[in-house]
Amino acid sequence: MMKKTTFVYPIYIATTPEKLWEALTSGEVTEKYHFGLQVKSDWQEGSAVKYLLDDGRITDHGHVLKCEPLHLLSFTWIMAGDETPREQPTRVTFELQKMDERL
């Protein structure tokens, strides 16, 4: 049995909640900073999340766990072709919090 590991990376970004949310959820934006990958999902709990190359191949995938627009986004993350044995898939959570003029 593997020990449960959690990593927390606080990141401070000078932007608006709307622009940051778009950067996390819009494929047209993710391809600009995420190695050309477009994220695709309807962001409803239980829905699929896919990261796609421009030829349509899926590089990463998962399912939406929680989505509260402009505040919280959580989904599972599995790399295509990763055969590492895991009890559960990796979970990614973005929590947007306003701090002064930054997020």
PDB file of N, CA and C in Angstrom:
ATOM      1  N   MET A   1       0.840  -1.173   0.000  1.00  0.00           N
ATOM      2  CA  MET A   1       0.000   0.000   0.000  1.00  0.00           C
ATOM      3  C   MET A   1       0.888   1.240   0.000  1.00  0.00           C
ATOM      4  N   MET A   2       0.601   2.177  -0.914  1.00  0.00           N
ATOM      5  CA  MET A   2       1.390   3.399  -1.010  1.00  0.00           C
ATOM      6  C   MET A   2       0.890   4.437  -0.011  1.00  0.00           C
ATOM      7  N   LYS A   3       1.812   5.205   0.506  1.00  0.00           N
ATOM      8  CA  LYS A   3       1.476   6.301   1.405  1.00  0.00           C
ATOM      9  C   LYS A   3       0.834   7.424   0.599  1.00  0.00           C
ATOM     10  N   LYS A   4      -0.233   8.012   1.131  1.00  0.00           N
ATOM     11  CA  LYS A   4      -0.913   9.109   0.453  1.00  0.00           C
ATOM     12  C   LYS A   4      -0.021  10.349   0.508  1.00  0.00           C
ATOM     13  N   THR A   5       0.246  10.941  -0.646  1.00  0.00           N
ATOM     14  CA  THR A   5       1.114  12.106  -0.738  1.00  0.00           C
ATOM     15  C   THR A   5       0.310  13.289  -1.259  1.00  0.00           C
ATOM     16  N   THR A   6       0.520  14.429  -0.646  1.00  0.00           N
ATOM     17  CA  THR A   6      -0.146  15.653  -1.078  1.00  0.00           C
ATOM     18  C   THR A   6       0.897  16.728  -1.325  1.00  0.00           C
ATOM     19  N   PHE A   7       0.794  17.418  -2.438  1.00  0.00           N
ATOM     20  CA  PHE A   7       1.644  18.550  -2.749  1.00  0.00           C
ATOM     21  C   PHE A   7       0.758  19.773  -2.882  1.00  0.00           C
ATOM     22  N   VAL A   8       1.160  20.864  -2.268  1.00  0.00           N
ATOM     23  CA  VAL A   8       0.431  22.126  -2.381  1.00  0.00           C
ATOM     24  C   VAL A   8       1.403  23.160  -2.931  1.00  0.00           C
ATOM     25  N   TYR A   9       1.038  23.762  -4.050  1.00  0.00           N
ATOM     26  CA  TYR A   9       1.868  24.774  -4.678  1.00  0.00           C
ATOM     27  C   TYR A   9       1.084  26.081  -4.763  1.00  0.00           C
ATOM     28  N   PRO A  10       1.299  27.015  -3.835  1.00  0.00           N
ATOM     29  CA  PRO A  10       0.632  28.307  -3.963  1.00  0.00           C
ATOM     30  C   PRO A  10       1.277  29.099  -5.102  1.00  0.00           C
ATOM     31  N   ILE A  11       0.453  29.645  -5.951  1.00  0.00           N
ATOM     32  CA  ILE A  11       0.922  30.451  -7.077  1.00  0.00           C
ATOM     33  C   ILE A  11       0.164  31.764  -7.036  1.00  0.00           C
ATOM     34  N   TYR A  12       0.882  32.865  -7.165  1.00  0.00           N
ATOM     35  CA  TYR A  12       0.271  34.197  -7.143  1.00  0.00           C
ATOM     36  C   TYR A  12       0.310  34.771  -8.548  1.00  0.00           C
ATOM     37  N   ILE A  13      -0.859  35.151  -9.053  1.00  0.00           N
ATOM     38  CA  ILE A  13      -0.974  35.647 -10.422  1.00  0.00           C
ATOM     39  C   ILE A  13      -1.750  36.957 -10.412  1.00  0.00           C
ATOM     40  N   ALA A  14      -1.183  37.970 -11.035  1.00  0.00           N
ATOM     41  CA  ALA A  14      -1.871  39.255 -11.135  1.00  0.00           C
ATOM     42  C   ALA A  14      -2.827  39.194 -12.325  1.00  0.00           C
ATOM     43  N   THR A  15      -4.081  38.853 -12.055  1.00  0.00           N
ATOM     44  CA  THR A  15      -5.102  38.744 -13.100  1.00  0.00           C
ATOM     45  C   THR A  15      -6.472  38.807 -12.450  1.00  0.00           C
ATOM     46  N   THR A  16      -7.501  38.681 -13.252  1.00  0.00           N
ATOM     47  CA  THR A  16      -8.864  38.653 -12.729  1.00  0.00           C
ATOM     48  C   THR A  16      -9.303  37.199 -12.560  1.00  0.00           C
ATOM     49  N   PRO A  17     -10.284  36.950 -11.692  1.00  0.00           N
ATOM     50  CA  PRO A  17     -10.802  35.579 -11.563  1.00  0.00           C
ATOM     51  C   PRO A  17     -11.315  35.044 -12.905  1.00  0.00           C
ATOM     52  N   GLU A  18     -11.938  35.883 -13.683  1.00  0.00           N
ATOM     53  CA  GLU A  18     -12.493  35.449 -14.973  1.00  0.00           C
ATOM     54  C   GLU A  18     -11.402  34.997 -15.937  1.00  0.00           C
ATOM     55  N   LYS A  19     -10.315  35.755 -16.022  1.00  0.00           N
ATOM     56  CA  LYS A  19      -9.223  35.379 -16.937  1.00  0.00           C
ATOM     57  C   LYS A  19      -8.515  34.112 -16.470  1.00  0.00           C
ATOM     58  N   LEU A  20      -8.323  33.969 -15.168  1.00  0.00           N
ATOM     59  CA  LEU A  20      -7.679  32.764 -14.656  1.00  0.00           C
ATOM     60  C   LEU A  20      -8.563  31.540 -14.867  1.00  0.00           C
ATOM     61  N   TRP A  21      -9.856  31.685 -14.637  1.00  0.00           N
ATOM     62  CA  TRP A  21     -10.782  30.567 -14.858  1.00  0.00           C
ATOM     63  C   TRP A  21     -10.748  30.142 -16.324  1.00  0.00           C
ATOM     64  N   GLU A  22     -10.731  31.113 -17.216  1.00  0.00           N
ATOM     65  CA  GLU A  22     -10.667  30.813 -18.647  1.00  0.00           C
ATOM     66  C   GLU A  22      -9.362  30.074 -18.982  1.00  0.00           C
ATOM     67  N   ALA A  23      -8.259  30.476 -18.341  1.00  0.00           N
ATOM     68  CA  ALA A  23      -6.974  29.826 -18.585  1.00  0.00           C
ATOM     69  C   ALA A  23      -6.979  28.369 -18.130  1.00  0.00           C
ATOM     70  N   LEU A  24      -7.781  28.032 -17.140  1.00  0.00           N
ATOM     71  CA  LEU A  24      -7.868  26.653 -16.645  1.00  0.00           C
ATOM     72  C   LEU A  24      -8.850  25.801 -17.441  1.00  0.00           C
ATOM     73  N   THR A  25      -9.882  26.413 -18.001  1.00  0.00           N
ATOM     74  CA  THR A  25     -10.997  25.643 -18.563  1.00  0.00           C
ATOM     75  C   THR A  25     -11.218  25.792 -20.065  1.00  0.00           C
ATOM     76  N   SER A  26     -10.510  26.684 -20.716  1.00  0.00           N
ATOM     77  CA  SER A  26     -10.712  26.917 -22.144  1.00  0.00           C
ATOM     78  C   SER A  26      -9.574  26.317 -22.962  1.00  0.00           C
ATOM     79  N   GLY A  27      -9.902  25.407 -23.857  1.00  0.00           N
ATOM     80  CA  GLY A  27      -8.894  24.778 -24.703  1.00  0.00           C
ATOM     81  C   GLY A  27      -8.148  25.761 -25.580  1.00  0.00           C
ATOM     82  N   GLU A  28      -8.819  26.821 -26.021  1.00  0.00           N
ATOM     83  CA  GLU A  28      -8.170  27.825 -26.852  1.00  0.00           C
ATOM     84  C   GLU A  28      -7.068  28.548 -26.074  1.00  0.00           C
ATOM     85  N   VAL A  29      -7.227  28.633 -24.759  1.00  0.00           N
ATOM     86  CA  VAL A  29      -6.214  29.290 -23.933  1.00  0.00           C
ATOM     87  C   VAL A  29      -5.156  28.290 -23.477  1.00  0.00           C
ATOM     88  N   THR A  30      -5.556  27.074 -23.064  1.00  0.00           N
ATOM     89  CA  THR A  30      -4.566  26.115 -22.552  1.00  0.00           C
ATOM     90  C   THR A  30      -3.523  25.758 -23.599  1.00  0.00           C
ATOM     91  N   GLU A  31      -3.916  25.736 -24.865  1.00  0.00           N
ATOM     92  CA  GLU A  31      -2.933  25.372 -25.889  1.00  0.00           C
ATOM     93  C   GLU A  31      -1.811  26.403 -26.004  1.00  0.00           C
ATOM     94  N   LYS A  32      -2.044  27.629 -25.530  1.00  0.00           N
ATOM     95  CA  LYS A  32      -1.025  28.676 -25.603  1.00  0.00           C
ATOM     96  C   LYS A  32       0.074  28.493 -24.563  1.00  0.00           C
ATOM     97  N   TYR A  33      -0.232  27.837 -23.432  1.00  0.00           N
ATOM     98  CA  TYR A  33       0.775  27.705 -22.381  1.00  0.00           C
ATOM     99  C   TYR A  33       0.983  26.261 -21.918  1.00  0.00           C
ATOM    100  N   HIS A  34       0.218  25.328 -22.428  1.00  0.00           N
ATOM    101  CA  HIS A  34       0.311  23.943 -21.953  1.00  0.00           C
ATOM    102  C   HIS A  34       0.821  23.033 -23.066  1.00  0.00           C
ATOM    103  N   PHE A  35       1.961  23.405 -23.648  1.00  0.00           N
ATOM    104  CA  PHE A  35       2.642  22.610 -24.664  1.00  0.00           C
ATOM    105  C   PHE A  35       1.754  22.277 -25.860  1.00  0.00           C
ATOM    106  N   GLY A  36       0.851  23.190 -26.202  1.00  0.00           N
ATOM    107  CA  GLY A  36      -0.028  22.993 -27.347  1.00  0.00           C
ATOM    108  C   GLY A  36      -1.236  22.121 -27.076  1.00  0.00           C
ATOM    109  N   LEU A  37      -1.426  21.690 -25.837  1.00  0.00           N
ATOM    110  CA  LEU A  37      -2.559  20.819 -25.503  1.00  0.00           C
ATOM    111  C   LEU A  37      -3.820  21.637 -25.243  1.00  0.00           C
ATOM    112  N   GLN A  38      -4.929  21.169 -25.777  1.00  0.00           N
ATOM    113  CA  GLN A  38      -6.226  21.788 -25.519  1.00  0.00           C
ATOM    114  C   GLN A  38      -6.995  20.952 -24.515  1.00  0.00           C
ATOM    115  N   VAL A  39      -7.494  21.605 -23.463  1.00  0.00           N
ATOM    116  CA  VAL A  39      -8.340  20.912 -22.505  1.00  0.00           C
ATOM    117  C   VAL A  39      -9.764  20.908 -23.056  1.00  0.00           C
ATOM    118  N   LYS A  40     -10.458  19.796 -22.881  1.00  0.00           N
ATOM    119  CA  LYS A  40     -11.842  19.661 -23.327  1.00  0.00           C
ATOM    120  C   LYS A  40     -12.677  19.060 -22.207  1.00  0.00           C
ATOM    121  N   SER A  41     -13.752  19.738 -21.829  1.00  0.00           N
ATOM    122  CA  SER A  41     -14.705  19.241 -20.845  1.00  0.00           C
ATOM    123  C   SER A  41     -15.897  20.179 -20.827  1.00  0.00           C
ATOM    124  N   ASP A  42     -17.028  19.685 -20.328  1.00  0.00           N
ATOM    125  CA  ASP A  42     -18.160  20.592 -20.085  1.00  0.00           C
ATOM    126  C   ASP A  42     -18.168  21.043 -18.626  1.00  0.00           C
ATOM    127  N   TRP A  43     -17.200  20.538 -17.835  1.00  0.00           N
ATOM    128  CA  TRP A  43     -16.950  20.933 -16.450  1.00  0.00           C
ATOM    129  C   TRP A  43     -18.114  20.658 -15.508  1.00  0.00           C
ATOM    130  N   GLN A  44     -18.926  19.654 -15.839  1.00  0.00           N
ATOM    131  CA  GLN A  44     -19.972  19.187 -14.937  1.00  0.00           C
ATOM    132  C   GLN A  44     -19.401  18.038 -14.113  1.00  0.00           C
ATOM    133  N   GLU A  45     -19.785  17.949 -12.839  1.00  0.00           N
ATOM    134  CA  GLU A  45     -19.284  16.876 -11.990  1.00  0.00           C
ATOM    135  C   GLU A  45     -19.540  15.516 -12.637  1.00  0.00           C
ATOM    136  N   GLY A  46     -18.504  14.702 -12.704  1.00  0.00           N
ATOM    137  CA  GLY A  46     -18.582  13.383 -13.316  1.00  0.00           C
ATOM    138  C   GLY A  46     -18.212  13.368 -14.787  1.00  0.00           C
ATOM    139  N   SER A  47     -18.167  14.527 -15.433  1.00  0.00           N
ATOM    140  CA  SER A  47     -17.839  14.601 -16.861  1.00  0.00           C
ATOM    141  C   SER A  47     -16.366  14.331 -17.111  1.00  0.00           C
ATOM    142  N   ALA A  48     -16.083  13.909 -18.328  1.00  0.00           N
ATOM    143  CA  ALA A  48     -14.701  13.649 -18.726  1.00  0.00           C
ATOM    144  C   ALA A  48     -13.925  14.951 -18.895  1.00  0.00           C
ATOM    145  N   VAL A  49     -12.622  14.870 -18.595  1.00  0.00           N
ATOM    146  CA  VAL A  49     -11.658  15.933 -18.881  1.00  0.00           C
ATOM    147  C   VAL A  49     -10.601  15.296 -19.765  1.00  0.00           C
ATOM    148  N   LYS A  50     -10.289  15.950 -20.888  1.00  0.00           N
ATOM    149  CA  LYS A  50      -9.282  15.411 -21.805  1.00  0.00           C
ATOM    150  C   LYS A  50      -8.337  16.525 -22.215  1.00  0.00           C
ATOM    151  N   TYR A  51      -7.049  16.190 -22.327  1.00  0.00           N
ATOM    152  CA  TYR A  51      -6.053  17.088 -22.890  1.00  0.00           C
ATOM    153  C   TYR A  51      -5.644  16.486 -24.225  1.00  0.00           C
ATOM    154  N   LEU A  52      -5.819  17.263 -25.287  1.00  0.00           N
ATOM    155  CA  LEU A  52      -5.658  16.758 -26.646  1.00  0.00           C
ATOM    156  C   LEU A  52      -4.543  17.461 -27.401  1.00  0.00           C
ATOM    157  N   LEU A  53      -3.800  16.680 -28.193  1.00  0.00           N
ATOM    158  CA  LEU A  53      -2.858  17.242 -29.150  1.00  0.00           C
ATOM    159  C   LEU A  53      -3.648  17.790 -30.332  1.00  0.00           C
ATOM    160  N   ASP A  54      -3.018  18.582 -31.182  1.00  0.00           N
ATOM    161  CA  ASP A  54      -3.741  19.159 -32.316  1.00  0.00           C
ATOM    162  C   ASP A  54      -4.241  18.116 -33.305  1.00  0.00           C
ATOM    163  N   ASP A  55      -3.682  16.892 -33.268  1.00  0.00           N
ATOM    164  CA  ASP A  55      -4.165  15.817 -34.148  1.00  0.00           C
ATOM    165  C   ASP A  55      -5.279  14.991 -33.498  1.00  0.00           C
ATOM    166  N   GLY A  56      -5.716  15.408 -32.285  1.00  0.00           N
ATOM    167  CA  GLY A  56      -6.823  14.738 -31.610  1.00  0.00           C
ATOM    168  C   GLY A  56      -6.434  13.648 -30.625  1.00  0.00           C
ATOM    169  N   ARG A  57      -5.140  13.276 -30.577  1.00  0.00           N
ATOM    170  CA  ARG A  57      -4.709  12.252 -29.629  1.00  0.00           C
ATOM    171  C   ARG A  57      -4.815  12.774 -28.196  1.00  0.00           C
ATOM    172  N   ILE A  58      -5.268  11.912 -27.301  1.00  0.00           N
ATOM    173  CA  ILE A  58      -5.411  12.261 -25.886  1.00  0.00           C
ATOM    174  C   ILE A  58      -4.098  11.964 -25.172  1.00  0.00           C
ATOM    175  N   THR A  59      -3.573  12.971 -24.463  1.00  0.00           N
ATOM    176  CA  THR A  59      -2.331  12.778 -23.706  1.00  0.00           C
ATOM    177  C   THR A  59      -2.606  12.556 -22.221  1.00  0.00           C
ATOM    178  N   ASP A  60      -3.680  13.153 -21.724  1.00  0.00           N
ATOM    179  CA  ASP A  60      -4.049  13.064 -20.312  1.00  0.00           C
ATOM    180  C   ASP A  60      -5.571  13.072 -20.236  1.00  0.00           C
ATOM    181  N   HIS A  61      -6.115  12.431 -19.202  1.00  0.00           N
ATOM    182  CA  HIS A  61      -7.568  12.392 -19.078  1.00  0.00           C
ATOM    183  C   HIS A  61      -7.964  12.202 -17.624  1.00  0.00           C
ATOM    184  N   GLY A  62      -9.224  12.399 -17.343  1.00  0.00           N
ATOM    185  CA  GLY A  62      -9.750  12.218 -15.998  1.00  0.00           C
ATOM    186  C   GLY A  62     -11.221  12.562 -15.962  1.00  0.00           C
ATOM    187  N   HIS A  63     -11.732  12.829 -14.750  1.00  0.00           N
ATOM    188  CA  HIS A  63     -13.135  13.169 -14.566  1.00  0.00           C
ATOM    189  C   HIS A  63     -13.260  14.318 -13.570  1.00  0.00           C
ATOM    190  N   VAL A  64     -14.224  15.180 -13.825  1.00  0.00           N
ATOM    191  CA  VAL A  64     -14.467  16.331 -12.950  1.00  0.00           C
ATOM    192  C   VAL A  64     -15.007  15.823 -11.617  1.00  0.00           C
ATOM    193  N   LEU A  65     -14.365  16.243 -10.539  1.00  0.00           N
ATOM    194  CA  LEU A  65     -14.822  15.899  -9.195  1.00  0.00           C
ATOM    195  C   LEU A  65     -15.687  17.017  -8.621  1.00  0.00           C
ATOM    196  N   LYS A  66     -15.269  18.253  -8.849  1.00  0.00           N
ATOM    197  CA  LYS A  66     -16.000  19.399  -8.335  1.00  0.00           C
ATOM    198  C   LYS A  66     -15.693  20.608  -9.202  1.00  0.00           C
ATOM    199  N   CYS A  67     -16.712  21.408  -9.466  1.00  0.00           N
ATOM    200  CA  CYS A  67     -16.525  22.606 -10.270  1.00  0.00           C
ATOM    201  C   CYS A  67     -17.413  23.718  -9.718  1.00  0.00           C
ATOM    202  N   GLU A  68     -16.775  24.739  -9.185  1.00  0.00           N
ATOM    203  CA  GLU A  68     -17.446  25.944  -8.715  1.00  0.00           C
ATOM    204  C   GLU A  68     -16.813  27.105  -9.473  1.00  0.00           C
ATOM    205  N   PRO A  69     -17.419  27.513 -10.609  1.00  0.00           N
ATOM    206  CA  PRO A  69     -16.803  28.526 -11.470  1.00  0.00           C
ATOM    207  C   PRO A  69     -16.276  29.735 -10.700  1.00  0.00           C
ATOM    208  N   LEU A  70     -15.066  30.134 -11.097  1.00  0.00           N
ATOM    209  CA  LEU A  70     -14.331  31.275 -10.540  1.00  0.00           C
ATOM    210  C   LEU A  70     -13.832  31.035  -9.119  1.00  0.00           C
ATOM    211  N   HIS A  71     -14.002  29.806  -8.594  1.00  0.00           N
ATOM    212  CA  HIS A  71     -13.550  29.534  -7.234  1.00  0.00           C
ATOM    213  C   HIS A  71     -12.771  28.218  -7.104  1.00  0.00           C
ATOM    214  N   LEU A  72     -13.344  27.095  -7.564  1.00  0.00           N
ATOM    215  CA  LEU A  72     -12.724  25.800  -7.321  1.00  0.00           C
ATOM    216  C   LEU A  72     -12.925  24.863  -8.509  1.00  0.00           C
ATOM    217  N   LEU A  73     -11.848  24.174  -8.869  1.00  0.00           N
ATOM    218  CA  LEU A  73     -11.906  23.174  -9.931  1.00  0.00           C
ATOM    219  C   LEU A  73     -11.076  21.983  -9.486  1.00  0.00           C
ATOM    220  N   SER A  74     -11.684  20.800  -9.469  1.00  0.00           N
ATOM    221  CA  SER A  74     -10.986  19.592  -9.047  1.00  0.00           C
ATOM    222  C   SER A  74     -11.326  18.460 -10.001  1.00  0.00           C
ATOM    223  N   PHE A  75     -10.283  17.726 -10.437  1.00  0.00           N
ATOM    224  CA  PHE A  75     -10.513  16.594 -11.333  1.00  0.00           C
ATOM    225  C   PHE A  75      -9.402  15.574 -11.175  1.00  0.00           C
ATOM    226  N   THR A  76      -9.682  14.340 -11.607  1.00  0.00           N
ATOM    227  CA  THR A  76      -8.665  13.306 -11.598  1.00  0.00           C
ATOM    228  C   THR A  76      -7.765  13.519 -12.813  1.00  0.00           C
ATOM    229  N   TRP A  77      -6.541  12.986 -12.724  1.00  0.00           N
ATOM    230  CA  TRP A  77      -5.563  13.179 -13.803  1.00  0.00           C
ATOM    231  C   TRP A  77      -4.829  11.875 -14.030  1.00  0.00           C
ATOM    232  N   ILE A  78      -4.931  11.368 -15.252  1.00  0.00           N
ATOM    233  CA  ILE A  78      -4.237  10.140 -15.638  1.00  0.00           C
ATOM    234  C   ILE A  78      -3.508  10.413 -16.946  1.00  0.00           C
ATOM    235  N   MET A  79      -2.216  10.129 -16.980  1.00  0.00           N
ATOM    236  CA  MET A  79      -1.453  10.256 -18.223  1.00  0.00           C
ATOM    237  C   MET A  79      -1.741   9.047 -19.101  1.00  0.00           C
ATOM    238  N   ALA A  80      -2.036   9.297 -20.365  1.00  0.00           N
ATOM    239  CA  ALA A  80      -2.255   8.203 -21.306  1.00  0.00           C
ATOM    240  C   ALA A  80      -0.990   7.349 -21.384  1.00  0.00           C
ATOM    241  N   GLY A  81      -1.145   6.062 -21.301  1.00  0.00           N
ATOM    242  CA  GLY A  81      -0.021   5.142 -21.390  1.00  0.00           C
ATOM    243  C   GLY A  81       0.706   4.900 -20.078  1.00  0.00           C
ATOM    244  N   ASP A  82       0.327   5.618 -19.018  1.00  0.00           N
ATOM    245  CA  ASP A  82       0.967   5.407 -17.714  1.00  0.00           C
ATOM    246  C   ASP A  82       0.414   4.120 -17.107  1.00  0.00           C
ATOM    247  N   GLU A  83       1.282   3.161 -16.893  1.00  0.00           N
ATOM    248  CA  GLU A  83       0.855   1.874 -16.349  1.00  0.00           C
ATOM    249  C   GLU A  83       1.282   1.687 -14.893  1.00  0.00           C
ATOM    250  N   THR A  84       1.631   2.788 -14.221  1.00  0.00           N
ATOM    251  CA  THR A  84       2.025   2.724 -12.820  1.00  0.00           C
ATOM    252  C   THR A  84       0.838   2.267 -11.987  1.00  0.00           C
ATOM    253  N   PRO A  85       1.015   1.215 -11.165  1.00  0.00           N
ATOM    254  CA  PRO A  85      -0.119   0.771 -10.341  1.00  0.00           C
ATOM    255  C   PRO A  85      -0.457   1.816  -9.270  1.00  0.00           C
ATOM    256  N   ARG A  86      -1.735   2.178  -9.193  1.00  0.00           N
ATOM    257  CA  ARG A  86      -2.212   3.149  -8.218  1.00  0.00           C
ATOM    258  C   ARG A  86      -3.543   2.679  -7.662  1.00  0.00           C
ATOM    259  N   GLU A  87      -3.776   2.973  -6.389  1.00  0.00           N
ATOM    260  CA  GLU A  87      -5.078   2.665  -5.806  1.00  0.00           C
ATOM    261  C   GLU A  87      -6.136   3.612  -6.358  1.00  0.00           C
ATOM    262  N   GLN A  88      -5.744   4.866  -6.582  1.00  0.00           N
ATOM    263  CA  GLN A  88      -6.653   5.880  -7.119  1.00  0.00           C
ATOM    264  C   GLN A  88      -5.870   6.777  -8.059  1.00  0.00           C
ATOM    265  N   PRO A  89      -6.552   7.420  -9.020  1.00  0.00           N
ATOM    266  CA  PRO A  89      -5.830   8.345  -9.900  1.00  0.00           C
ATOM    267  C   PRO A  89      -5.407   9.604  -9.138  1.00  0.00           C
ATOM    268  N   THR A  90      -4.444  10.303  -9.697  1.00  0.00           N
ATOM    269  CA  THR A  90      -4.014  11.581  -9.137  1.00  0.00           C
ATOM    270  C   THR A  90      -5.184  12.556  -9.167  1.00  0.00           C
ATOM    271  N   ARG A  91      -5.263  13.398  -8.155  1.00  0.00           N
ATOM    272  CA  ARG A  91      -6.313  14.415  -8.082  1.00  0.00           C
ATOM    273  C   ARG A  91      -5.640  15.788  -8.163  1.00  0.00           C
ATOM    274  N   VAL A  92      -6.173  16.641  -9.024  1.00  0.00           N
ATOM    275  CA  VAL A  92      -5.684  18.012  -9.186  1.00  0.00           C
ATOM    276  C   VAL A  92      -6.790  18.954  -8.721  1.00  0.00           C
ATOM    277  N   THR A  93      -6.432  19.921  -7.895  1.00  0.00           N
ATOM    278  CA  THR A  93      -7.422  20.894  -7.415  1.00  0.00           C
ATOM    279  C   THR A  93      -6.844  22.293  -7.529  1.00  0.00           C
ATOM    280  N   PHE A  94      -7.608  23.175  -8.153  1.00  0.00           N
ATOM    281  CA  PHE A  94      -7.261  24.588  -8.239  1.00  0.00           C
ATOM    282  C   PHE A  94      -8.265  25.342  -7.378  1.00  0.00           C
ATOM    283  N   GLU A  95      -7.764  26.063  -6.383  1.00  0.00           N
ATOM    284  CA  GLU A  95      -8.620  26.882  -5.538  1.00  0.00           C
ATOM    285  C   GLU A  95      -8.200  28.336  -5.739  1.00  0.00           C
ATOM    286  N   LEU A  96      -9.107  29.142  -6.280  1.00  0.00           N
ATOM    287  CA  LEU A  96      -8.814  30.536  -6.560  1.00  0.00           C
ATOM    288  C   LEU A  96      -9.213  31.377  -5.361  1.00  0.00           C
ATOM    289  N   GLN A  97      -8.247  32.111  -4.831  1.00  0.00           N
ATOM    290  CA  GLN A  97      -8.501  32.970  -3.692  1.00  0.00           C
ATOM    291  C   GLN A  97      -7.928  34.355  -3.998  1.00  0.00           C
ATOM    292  N   LYS A  98      -8.731  35.376  -3.784  1.00  0.00           N
ATOM    293  CA  LYS A  98      -8.271  36.733  -4.007  1.00  0.00           C
ATOM    294  C   LYS A  98      -7.405  37.183  -2.832  1.00  0.00           C
ATOM    295  N   MET A  99      -6.241  37.727  -3.164  1.00  0.00           N
ATOM    296  CA  MET A  99      -5.313  38.237  -2.153  1.00  0.00           C
ATOM    297  C   MET A  99      -4.811  39.585  -2.653  1.00  0.00           C
ATOM    298  N   ASP A 100      -5.242  40.639  -2.003  1.00  0.00           N
ATOM    299  CA  ASP A 100      -4.902  41.990  -2.464  1.00  0.00           C
ATOM    300  C   ASP A 100      -5.392  42.128  -3.899  1.00  0.00           C
ATOM    301  N   GLU A 101      -4.489  42.443  -4.802  1.00  0.00           N
ATOM    302  CA  GLU A 101      -4.854  42.582  -6.214  1.00  0.00           C
ATOM    303  C   GLU A 101      -4.428  41.367  -7.022  1.00  0.00           C
ATOM    304  N   ARG A 102      -4.012  40.300  -6.329  1.00  0.00           N
ATOM    305  CA  ARG A 102      -3.566  39.079  -7.009  1.00  0.00           C
ATOM    306  C   ARG A 102      -4.534  37.946  -6.731  1.00  0.00           C
ATOM    307  N   LEU A 103      -4.416  36.907  -7.518  1.00  0.00           N
ATOM    308  CA  LEU A 103      -5.139  35.660  -7.254  1.00  0.00           C
ATOM    309  C   LEU A 103      -4.136  34.614  -6.864  1.00  0.00           C
TER     310      LEU A 103
END
